């Protein structure tokens, strides 16, 4: 019963995640951590989705075009945000993160170095909180 209620609590992002998994033909993977396993889905890097976003977390469904421990943990942090915020996750975290962290950065900071992009991106409140929840320690110089 609790699982059904939690799934409903996150219904919009779960439906979006399932639709993207199907549309992208994403394959289920499990990333092992000291706390257990993090389930996620791998999709082809050369897809229409990856042109706009490099991955995402939709409730319990994490979609990425590559396997990277730091990124899987970060997206798992977004999954935990979804668990806490429920129906508010997409408007509060999802839209803000996609528009103001991801697309804004790609359009306005094209000439920045990769390191400068990473510093700026992961200092945004949505991303810093996801790192904290996902137990990601960033080592910026």
C-alpha atoms as a PDB file:
ATOM      1  CA  UNK A   1       0.000   0.000   0.000  1.00  0.00           C
ATOM      2  CA  UNK A   2       2.804   2.424   0.925  1.00  0.00           C
ATOM      3  CA  UNK A   3       4.583   1.800  -2.409  1.00  0.00           C
ATOM      4  CA  UNK A   4       1.369   2.483  -4.333  1.00  0.00           C
ATOM      5  CA  UNK A   5       0.813   5.739  -2.447  1.00  0.00           C
ATOM      6  CA  UNK A   6       4.425   6.853  -3.034  1.00  0.00           C
ATOM      7  CA  UNK A   7       4.059   6.038  -6.735  1.00  0.00           C
ATOM      8  CA  UNK A   8       0.889   8.147  -6.902  1.00  0.00           C
ATOM      9  CA  UNK A   9       2.575  10.939  -4.908  1.00  0.00           C
ATOM     10  CA  UNK A  10       5.070  11.194  -7.798  1.00  0.00           C
ATOM     11  CA  UNK A  11       2.615  10.304 -10.587  1.00  0.00           C
ATOM     12  CA  UNK A  12       3.465  12.998 -13.216  1.00  0.00           C
ATOM     13  CA  UNK A  13       7.227  12.365 -13.131  1.00  0.00           C
ATOM     14  CA  UNK A  14       6.736   8.580 -13.044  1.00  0.00           C
ATOM     15  CA  UNK A  15       4.503   8.679 -16.127  1.00  0.00           C
ATOM     16  CA  UNK A  16       6.990  10.932 -17.919  1.00  0.00           C
ATOM     17  CA  UNK A  17       9.876   8.656 -16.945  1.00  0.00           C
ATOM     18  CA  UNK A  18       8.090   5.526 -18.182  1.00  0.00           C
ATOM     19  CA  UNK A  19       7.166   7.260 -21.451  1.00  0.00           C
ATOM     20  CA  UNK A  20      10.782   8.340 -22.016  1.00  0.00           C
ATOM     21  CA  UNK A  21      12.130   4.870 -21.204  1.00  0.00           C
ATOM     22  CA  UNK A  22       9.778   3.408 -23.815  1.00  0.00           C
ATOM     23  CA  UNK A  23      10.388   6.135 -26.429  1.00  0.00           C
ATOM     24  CA  UNK A  24      14.178   5.977 -26.034  1.00  0.00           C
ATOM     25  CA  UNK A  25      14.375   2.199 -25.765  1.00  0.00           C
ATOM     26  CA  UNK A  26      16.382   2.660 -22.566  1.00  0.00           C
ATOM     27  CA  UNK A  27      17.873  -0.417 -20.910  1.00  0.00           C
ATOM     28  CA  UNK A  28      17.567  -1.012 -17.170  1.00  0.00           C
ATOM     29  CA  UNK A  29      20.857  -1.009 -15.238  1.00  0.00           C
ATOM     30  CA  UNK A  30      21.816  -1.201 -11.575  1.00  0.00           C
ATOM     31  CA  UNK A  31      24.700   0.749 -10.120  1.00  0.00           C
ATOM     32  CA  UNK A  32      26.011  -0.848  -6.920  1.00  0.00           C
ATOM     33  CA  UNK A  33      26.782   1.423  -3.969  1.00  0.00           C
ATOM     34  CA  UNK A  34      27.664   0.848  -0.324  1.00  0.00           C
ATOM     35  CA  UNK A  35      23.977   1.508   0.485  1.00  0.00           C
ATOM     36  CA  UNK A  36      22.708  -1.040  -2.050  1.00  0.00           C
ATOM     37  CA  UNK A  37      21.860  -0.585  -5.708  1.00  0.00           C
ATOM     38  CA  UNK A  38      20.629   2.416  -7.658  1.00  0.00           C
ATOM     39  CA  UNK A  39      18.358   1.465 -10.545  1.00  0.00           C
ATOM     40  CA  UNK A  40      18.722   3.586 -13.667  1.00  0.00           C
ATOM     41  CA  UNK A  41      18.173   3.353 -17.443  1.00  0.00           C
ATOM     42  CA  UNK A  42      20.733   3.774 -20.223  1.00  0.00           C
ATOM     43  CA  UNK A  43      19.642   5.348 -23.509  1.00  0.00           C
ATOM     44  CA  UNK A  44      21.544   5.978 -26.734  1.00  0.00           C
ATOM     45  CA  UNK A  45      23.647   9.111 -26.489  1.00  0.00           C
ATOM     46  CA  UNK A  46      22.740  10.172 -30.022  1.00  0.00           C
ATOM     47  CA  UNK A  47      19.023  10.748 -29.503  1.00  0.00           C
ATOM     48  CA  UNK A  48      16.754  13.767 -29.770  1.00  0.00           C
ATOM     49  CA  UNK A  49      16.498  13.800 -25.965  1.00  0.00           C
ATOM     50  CA  UNK A  50      20.281  14.036 -25.486  1.00  0.00           C
ATOM     51  CA  UNK A  51      20.432  17.092 -27.778  1.00  0.00           C
ATOM     52  CA  UNK A  52      18.548  19.066 -25.130  1.00  0.00           C
ATOM     53  CA  UNK A  53      19.246  17.299 -21.849  1.00  0.00           C
ATOM     54  CA  UNK A  54      22.122  15.041 -20.900  1.00  0.00           C
ATOM     55  CA  UNK A  55      19.935  12.890 -18.675  1.00  0.00           C
ATOM     56  CA  UNK A  56      17.293  13.232 -16.062  1.00  0.00           C
ATOM     57  CA  UNK A  57      15.475  11.914 -13.064  1.00  0.00           C
ATOM     58  CA  UNK A  58      11.741  11.337 -13.288  1.00  0.00           C
ATOM     59  CA  UNK A  59      10.573  10.078  -9.921  1.00  0.00           C
ATOM     60  CA  UNK A  60      12.275   6.750  -9.388  1.00  0.00           C
ATOM     61  CA  UNK A  61      13.307   6.556 -13.051  1.00  0.00           C
ATOM     62  CA  UNK A  62      16.809   7.831 -13.835  1.00  0.00           C
ATOM     63  CA  UNK A  63      17.761   8.093 -17.510  1.00  0.00           C
ATOM     64  CA  UNK A  64      21.328   8.706 -18.696  1.00  0.00           C
ATOM     65  CA  UNK A  65      23.212   8.311 -21.998  1.00  0.00           C
ATOM     66  CA  UNK A  66      26.373   6.981 -20.244  1.00  0.00           C
ATOM     67  CA  UNK A  67      27.422   5.292 -17.028  1.00  0.00           C
ATOM     68  CA  UNK A  68      29.267   7.475 -14.536  1.00  0.00           C
ATOM     69  CA  UNK A  69      29.206   6.924 -10.770  1.00  0.00           C
ATOM     70  CA  UNK A  70      29.044  10.609  -9.885  1.00  0.00           C
ATOM     71  CA  UNK A  71      26.226  11.290 -12.357  1.00  0.00           C
ATOM     72  CA  UNK A  72      24.167   8.241 -11.336  1.00  0.00           C
ATOM     73  CA  UNK A  73      24.432   9.297  -7.686  1.00  0.00           C
ATOM     74  CA  UNK A  74      23.562  12.916  -8.556  1.00  0.00           C
ATOM     75  CA  UNK A  75      20.449  11.832 -10.468  1.00  0.00           C
ATOM     76  CA  UNK A  76      19.536   9.517  -7.595  1.00  0.00           C
ATOM     77  CA  UNK A  77      19.639  12.696  -5.452  1.00  0.00           C
ATOM     78  CA  UNK A  78      17.032  14.202  -7.791  1.00  0.00           C
ATOM     79  CA  UNK A  79      14.940  11.042  -7.300  1.00  0.00           C
ATOM     80  CA  UNK A  80      15.013  11.685  -3.573  1.00  0.00           C
ATOM     81  CA  UNK A  81      13.906  15.282  -4.195  1.00  0.00           C
ATOM     82  CA  UNK A  82      10.952  13.840  -6.107  1.00  0.00           C
ATOM     83  CA  UNK A  83      10.144  11.594  -3.174  1.00  0.00           C
ATOM     84  CA  UNK A  84      10.128  14.599  -0.809  1.00  0.00           C
ATOM     85  CA  UNK A  85       8.295  17.054  -3.076  1.00  0.00           C
ATOM     86  CA  UNK A  86       5.877  14.701  -4.831  1.00  0.00           C
ATOM     87  CA  UNK A  87       3.621  16.537  -7.266  1.00  0.00           C
ATOM     88  CA  UNK A  88       5.668  19.717  -6.820  1.00  0.00           C
ATOM     89  CA  UNK A  89       8.890  18.110  -8.094  1.00  0.00           C
ATOM     90  CA  UNK A  90       8.455  18.853 -11.806  1.00  0.00           C
ATOM     91  CA  UNK A  91       7.533  22.540 -11.423  1.00  0.00           C
ATOM     92  CA  UNK A  92       9.957  23.256  -8.566  1.00  0.00           C
ATOM     93  CA  UNK A  93      12.995  21.123  -9.475  1.00  0.00           C
ATOM     94  CA  UNK A  94      12.460  19.696 -12.957  1.00  0.00           C
ATOM     95  CA  UNK A  95      11.552  22.843 -14.853  1.00  0.00           C
ATOM     96  CA  UNK A  96      14.032  25.036 -12.962  1.00  0.00           C
ATOM     97  CA  UNK A  97      16.861  22.543 -13.438  1.00  0.00           C
ATOM     98  CA  UNK A  98      16.134  21.912 -17.128  1.00  0.00           C
ATOM     99  CA  UNK A  99      15.662  25.566 -18.095  1.00  0.00           C
ATOM    100  CA  UNK A 100      17.882  27.603 -15.811  1.00  0.00           C
ATOM    101  CA  UNK A 101      20.670  25.159 -15.046  1.00  0.00           C
ATOM    102  CA  UNK A 102      20.948  23.067 -18.190  1.00  0.00           C
ATOM    103  CA  UNK A 103      19.646  24.968 -21.225  1.00  0.00           C
ATOM    104  CA  UNK A 104      20.539  28.430 -19.892  1.00  0.00           C
ATOM    105  CA  UNK A 105      24.091  27.243 -19.313  1.00  0.00           C
ATOM    106  CA  UNK A 106      24.382  25.681 -22.772  1.00  0.00           C
ATOM    107  CA  UNK A 107      23.105  28.814 -24.532  1.00  0.00           C
ATOM    108  CA  UNK A 108      24.725  31.607 -22.559  1.00  0.00           C
ATOM    109  CA  UNK A 109      28.008  30.065 -21.467  1.00  0.00           C
ATOM    110  CA  UNK A 110      29.179  28.448 -24.711  1.00  0.00           C
ATOM    111  CA  UNK A 111      32.697  29.835 -24.439  1.00  0.00           C
ATOM    112  CA  UNK A 112      33.275  28.673 -20.890  1.00  0.00           C
ATOM    113  CA  UNK A 113      35.670  25.858 -20.097  1.00  0.00           C
ATOM    114  CA  UNK A 114      34.223  22.516 -19.008  1.00  0.00           C
ATOM    115  CA  UNK A 115      35.453  23.141 -15.459  1.00  0.00           C
ATOM    116  CA  UNK A 116      33.766  26.555 -15.293  1.00  0.00           C
ATOM    117  CA  UNK A 117      30.504  25.006 -16.557  1.00  0.00           C
ATOM    118  CA  UNK A 118      30.658  22.304 -13.880  1.00  0.00           C
ATOM    119  CA  UNK A 119      31.324  24.799 -11.093  1.00  0.00           C
ATOM    120  CA  UNK A 120      28.448  27.042 -12.170  1.00  0.00           C
ATOM    121  CA  UNK A 121      25.995  24.191 -12.828  1.00  0.00           C
ATOM    122  CA  UNK A 122      26.555  22.323  -9.567  1.00  0.00           C
ATOM    123  CA  UNK A 123      26.445  25.500  -7.494  1.00  0.00           C
ATOM    124  CA  UNK A 124      22.754  26.064  -8.442  1.00  0.00           C
ATOM    125  CA  UNK A 125      20.519  25.198  -5.479  1.00  0.00           C
ATOM    126  CA  UNK A 126      18.665  22.367  -7.246  1.00  0.00           C
ATOM    127  CA  UNK A 127      21.897  20.654  -8.253  1.00  0.00           C
ATOM    128  CA  UNK A 128      23.728  21.235  -4.959  1.00  0.00           C
ATOM    129  CA  UNK A 129      20.780  19.710  -3.094  1.00  0.00           C
ATOM    130  CA  UNK A 130      20.738  16.691  -5.471  1.00  0.00           C
ATOM    131  CA  UNK A 131      24.468  16.206  -4.850  1.00  0.00           C
ATOM    132  CA  UNK A 132      23.892  16.299  -1.098  1.00  0.00           C
ATOM    133  CA  UNK A 133      21.012  13.796  -1.254  1.00  0.00           C
ATOM    134  CA  UNK A 134      22.969  11.550  -3.648  1.00  0.00           C
ATOM    135  CA  UNK A 135      26.119  11.730  -1.475  1.00  0.00           C
ATOM    136  CA  UNK A 136      28.209  13.266  -4.272  1.00  0.00           C
ATOM    137  CA  UNK A 137      31.373  15.052  -3.204  1.00  0.00           C
ATOM    138  CA  UNK A 138      32.617  17.419  -5.902  1.00  0.00           C
ATOM    139  CA  UNK A 139      36.298  18.301  -5.930  1.00  0.00           C
ATOM    140  CA  UNK A 140      36.556  21.667  -7.623  1.00  0.00           C
ATOM    141  CA  UNK A 141      39.924  23.350  -7.526  1.00  0.00           C
END
